[in-house]
Amino acid sequence: MKIIRISSVWCTSCIVTYKFWKELKQNNPNNEYVEYDYDEESVLVEKYNVGNILPVIIIFDNDKEIKRIVGEKSKKEMFDIINSIGE
């Protein structure tokens, strides 16, 4: 799976959930992880049709989007969503 995280330095929810993102990467090393800054990489971000609510995590399987997580989620919610997809 490829998992993309779109966040920004001004986004409080992005800052709060960043430690979960790092932990997710460490616990699931077989996935490909990509992170984009909403402002600095706006051209790349545009192709994902991201609105104003951050962070956004988009999960792909064979280049097909299979799940989108928008906004701040608890560590448990985020891990449960991603782990359920991998089953």
N, C-alpha and C. Protein backbone atom coordinates (compact mmCIF):
# COMPACT_ATOMS: atom_id res chain seq x y z
N MET A 1 0.84 -1.18 0.00
CA MET A 1 0.00 0.00 0.00
C MET A 1 0.88 1.24 0.00
N LYS A 2 0.35 2.28 -0.57
CA LYS A 2 0.99 3.58 -0.54
C LYS A 2 0.09 4.50 0.29
N ILE A 3 0.69 5.17 1.27
CA ILE A 3 -0.08 6.03 2.15
C ILE A 3 0.51 7.44 2.08
N ILE A 4 -0.35 8.38 1.70
CA ILE A 4 0.07 9.78 1.55
C ILE A 4 -0.55 10.59 2.66
N ARG A 5 0.26 11.44 3.27
CA ARG A 5 -0.22 12.36 4.30
C ARG A 5 -0.01 13.78 3.79
N ILE A 6 -1.07 14.57 3.83
CA ILE A 6 -1.01 15.97 3.43
C ILE A 6 -1.29 16.80 4.67
N SER A 7 -0.34 17.66 5.01
CA SER A 7 -0.45 18.45 6.23
C SER A 7 0.20 19.81 6.01
N SER A 8 0.19 20.61 7.07
CA SER A 8 0.80 21.93 6.98
C SER A 8 1.34 22.34 8.35
N VAL A 9 2.31 23.23 8.34
CA VAL A 9 2.92 23.68 9.59
C VAL A 9 1.97 24.53 10.43
N TRP A 10 0.98 25.16 9.82
CA TRP A 10 0.03 26.00 10.55
C TRP A 10 -1.15 25.21 11.11
N CYS A 11 -1.23 23.94 10.78
CA CYS A 11 -2.38 23.09 11.15
C CYS A 11 -2.13 22.41 12.50
N THR A 12 -2.90 22.82 13.51
CA THR A 12 -2.74 22.25 14.84
C THR A 12 -3.00 20.75 14.85
N SER A 13 -4.02 20.31 14.15
CA SER A 13 -4.34 18.88 14.10
C SER A 13 -3.22 18.08 13.45
N CYS A 14 -2.55 18.70 12.48
CA CYS A 14 -1.42 18.03 11.81
C CYS A 14 -0.27 17.83 12.79
N ILE A 15 -0.04 18.83 13.59
CA ILE A 15 1.04 18.76 14.58
C ILE A 15 0.72 17.68 15.62
N VAL A 16 -0.52 17.67 16.09
CA VAL A 16 -0.95 16.70 17.10
C VAL A 16 -0.83 15.27 16.59
N THR A 17 -1.21 15.04 15.33
CA THR A 17 -1.23 13.68 14.80
C THR A 17 0.10 13.25 14.17
N TYR A 18 1.07 14.13 14.10
CA TYR A 18 2.34 13.77 13.47
C TYR A 18 3.03 12.60 14.18
N LYS A 19 2.97 12.58 15.51
CA LYS A 19 3.61 11.47 16.24
C LYS A 19 2.95 10.14 15.90
N PHE A 20 1.64 10.14 15.63
CA PHE A 20 0.95 8.91 15.21
C PHE A 20 1.45 8.48 13.84
N TRP A 21 1.66 9.44 12.96
CA TRP A 21 2.16 9.17 11.61
C TRP A 21 3.53 8.50 11.68
N LYS A 22 4.42 9.06 12.50
CA LYS A 22 5.75 8.47 12.66
C LYS A 22 5.66 7.04 13.20
N GLU A 23 4.81 6.85 14.16
CA GLU A 23 4.64 5.53 14.76
C GLU A 23 4.04 4.54 13.75
N LEU A 24 3.10 5.00 12.96
CA LEU A 24 2.50 4.17 11.93
C LEU A 24 3.56 3.68 10.95
N LYS A 25 4.44 4.59 10.53
CA LYS A 25 5.52 4.23 9.60
C LYS A 25 6.45 3.19 10.22
N GLN A 26 6.75 3.34 11.49
CA GLN A 26 7.65 2.40 12.16
C GLN A 26 7.00 1.03 12.32
N ASN A 27 5.70 1.00 12.61
CA ASN A 27 5.00 -0.26 12.87
C ASN A 27 4.60 -1.00 11.61
N ASN A 28 4.57 -0.31 10.47
CA ASN A 28 4.14 -0.91 9.21
C ASN A 28 5.15 -0.59 8.11
N PRO A 29 6.37 -1.08 8.22
CA PRO A 29 7.43 -0.68 7.29
C PRO A 29 7.25 -1.20 5.86
N ASN A 30 6.32 -2.11 5.63
CA ASN A 30 6.13 -2.64 4.28
C ASN A 30 5.35 -1.71 3.37
N ASN A 31 4.72 -0.70 3.94
CA ASN A 31 3.98 0.27 3.14
C ASN A 31 4.91 1.36 2.65
N GLU A 32 4.50 2.04 1.58
CA GLU A 32 5.24 3.21 1.09
C GLU A 32 4.56 4.44 1.68
N TYR A 33 5.36 5.32 2.27
CA TYR A 33 4.82 6.52 2.92
C TYR A 33 5.34 7.77 2.22
N VAL A 34 4.42 8.69 1.95
CA VAL A 34 4.77 9.95 1.29
C VAL A 34 4.09 11.05 2.07
N GLU A 35 4.79 12.16 2.24
CA GLU A 35 4.20 13.29 2.95
C GLU A 35 4.38 14.55 2.11
N TYR A 36 3.28 15.31 1.99
CA TYR A 36 3.30 16.57 1.25
C TYR A 36 2.86 17.71 2.17
N ASP A 37 3.51 18.86 2.01
CA ASP A 37 3.09 20.06 2.71
C ASP A 37 2.02 20.76 1.87
N TYR A 38 0.91 21.05 2.48
CA TYR A 38 -0.24 21.64 1.81
C TYR A 38 0.10 22.94 1.07
N ASP A 39 0.95 23.76 1.65
CA ASP A 39 1.30 25.05 1.05
C ASP A 39 2.52 24.96 0.13
N GLU A 40 3.56 24.31 0.60
CA GLU A 40 4.81 24.28 -0.16
C GLU A 40 4.75 23.38 -1.39
N GLU A 41 3.88 22.40 -1.37
CA GLU A 41 3.76 21.47 -2.50
C GLU A 41 2.34 21.48 -3.06
N SER A 42 1.79 22.68 -3.18
CA SER A 42 0.39 22.85 -3.57
C SER A 42 0.07 22.27 -4.95
N VAL A 43 1.03 22.29 -5.85
CA VAL A 43 0.79 21.73 -7.19
C VAL A 43 0.54 20.22 -7.09
N LEU A 44 1.36 19.53 -6.29
CA LEU A 44 1.16 18.09 -6.08
C LEU A 44 -0.12 17.81 -5.31
N VAL A 45 -0.39 18.63 -4.32
CA VAL A 45 -1.57 18.44 -3.47
C VAL A 45 -2.86 18.62 -4.28
N GLU A 46 -2.86 19.54 -5.22
CA GLU A 46 -4.05 19.81 -6.03
C GLU A 46 -4.59 18.58 -6.73
N LYS A 47 -3.72 17.71 -7.17
CA LYS A 47 -4.18 16.53 -7.91
C LYS A 47 -4.95 15.55 -7.03
N TYR A 48 -4.86 15.72 -5.71
CA TYR A 48 -5.57 14.83 -4.79
C TYR A 48 -6.90 15.42 -4.32
N ASN A 49 -7.28 16.59 -4.84
CA ASN A 49 -8.56 17.23 -4.49
C ASN A 49 -8.76 17.34 -2.98
N VAL A 50 -7.79 17.94 -2.33
CA VAL A 50 -7.83 18.12 -0.88
C VAL A 50 -8.52 19.45 -0.58
N GLY A 51 -9.44 19.44 0.33
CA GLY A 51 -10.13 20.66 0.74
C GLY A 51 -9.33 21.42 1.78
N ASN A 52 -10.03 22.10 2.67
CA ASN A 52 -9.38 22.93 3.69
C ASN A 52 -9.16 22.22 5.01
N ILE A 53 -9.69 21.02 5.18
CA ILE A 53 -9.55 20.31 6.44
C ILE A 53 -8.34 19.40 6.36
N LEU A 54 -7.43 19.62 7.30
CA LEU A 54 -6.19 18.84 7.36
C LEU A 54 -6.08 18.18 8.72
N PRO A 55 -5.26 17.16 8.85
CA PRO A 55 -4.51 16.48 7.82
C PRO A 55 -5.42 15.57 6.99
N VAL A 56 -4.90 15.18 5.84
CA VAL A 56 -5.58 14.23 4.98
C VAL A 56 -4.62 13.07 4.74
N ILE A 57 -5.11 11.88 4.96
CA ILE A 57 -4.34 10.67 4.68
C ILE A 57 -5.09 9.91 3.60
N ILE A 58 -4.38 9.62 2.52
CA ILE A 58 -4.99 8.91 1.39
C ILE A 58 -4.25 7.60 1.22
N ILE A 59 -5.01 6.52 1.16
CA ILE A 59 -4.43 5.18 1.06
C ILE A 59 -4.71 4.62 -0.33
N PHE A 60 -3.65 4.16 -0.96
CA PHE A 60 -3.74 3.61 -2.31
C PHE A 60 -3.33 2.15 -2.30
N ASP A 61 -3.98 1.39 -3.15
CA ASP A 61 -3.59 0.02 -3.42
C ASP A 61 -3.49 -0.12 -4.93
N ASN A 62 -2.30 -0.41 -5.42
CA ASN A 62 -2.07 -0.47 -6.87
C ASN A 62 -2.52 0.81 -7.59
N ASP A 63 -2.14 1.94 -7.05
CA ASP A 63 -2.44 3.27 -7.61
C ASP A 63 -3.93 3.61 -7.62
N LYS A 64 -4.75 2.87 -6.91
CA LYS A 64 -6.17 3.17 -6.81
C LYS A 64 -6.46 3.61 -5.37
N GLU A 65 -7.10 4.78 -5.24
CA GLU A 65 -7.45 5.25 -3.90
C GLU A 65 -8.50 4.33 -3.30
N ILE A 66 -8.19 3.82 -2.09
CA ILE A 66 -9.14 2.92 -1.44
C ILE A 66 -9.70 3.50 -0.15
N LYS A 67 -9.06 4.53 0.40
CA LYS A 67 -9.55 5.14 1.64
C LYS A 67 -8.97 6.53 1.80
N ARG A 68 -9.77 7.43 2.36
CA ARG A 68 -9.33 8.79 2.64
C ARG A 68 -9.74 9.13 4.07
N ILE A 69 -8.78 9.57 4.86
CA ILE A 69 -9.04 9.97 6.24
C ILE A 69 -8.82 11.47 6.31
N VAL A 70 -9.87 12.20 6.67
CA VAL A 70 -9.81 13.66 6.67
C VAL A 70 -9.99 14.17 8.10
N GLY A 71 -9.09 15.06 8.50
CA GLY A 71 -9.19 15.67 9.82
C GLY A 71 -8.48 14.87 10.89
N GLU A 72 -8.49 15.44 12.07
CA GLU A 72 -7.79 14.83 13.20
C GLU A 72 -8.54 13.59 13.69
N LYS A 73 -7.82 12.52 13.82
CA LYS A 73 -8.34 11.27 14.36
C LYS A 73 -7.44 10.85 15.52
N SER A 74 -8.00 10.09 16.43
CA SER A 74 -7.18 9.58 17.52
C SER A 74 -6.22 8.54 16.96
N LYS A 75 -5.22 8.23 17.72
CA LYS A 75 -4.25 7.21 17.31
C LYS A 75 -4.97 5.88 17.06
N LYS A 76 -5.87 5.50 17.95
CA LYS A 76 -6.60 4.25 17.80
C LYS A 76 -7.44 4.25 16.53
N GLU A 77 -8.17 5.33 16.28
CA GLU A 77 -8.99 5.41 15.06
C GLU A 77 -8.13 5.25 13.81
N MET A 78 -7.03 6.00 13.77
CA MET A 78 -6.17 5.97 12.59
C MET A 78 -5.57 4.57 12.38
N PHE A 79 -5.04 3.98 13.44
CA PHE A 79 -4.44 2.65 13.32
C PHE A 79 -5.50 1.60 12.95
N ASP A 80 -6.69 1.70 13.55
CA ASP A 80 -7.75 0.73 13.24
C ASP A 80 -8.15 0.80 11.78
N ILE A 81 -8.28 2.02 11.25
CA ILE A 81 -8.66 2.18 9.84
C ILE A 81 -7.61 1.58 8.94
N ILE A 82 -6.35 1.94 9.16
CA ILE A 82 -5.28 1.48 8.28
C ILE A 82 -5.04 -0.02 8.42
N ASN A 83 -5.09 -0.52 9.64
CA ASN A 83 -4.88 -1.96 9.84
C ASN A 83 -6.02 -2.79 9.26
N SER A 84 -7.24 -2.26 9.29
CA SER A 84 -8.37 -3.01 8.72
C SER A 84 -8.25 -3.14 7.20
N ILE A 85 -7.62 -2.17 6.57
CA ILE A 85 -7.44 -2.21 5.13
C ILE A 85 -6.40 -3.28 4.75
N GLY A 86 -5.39 -3.40 5.59
CA GLY A 86 -4.32 -4.35 5.30
C GLY A 86 -4.70 -5.81 5.51
N GLU A 87 -5.88 -6.05 6.08
CA GLU A 87 -6.29 -7.44 6.37
C GLU A 87 -6.79 -8.13 5.14
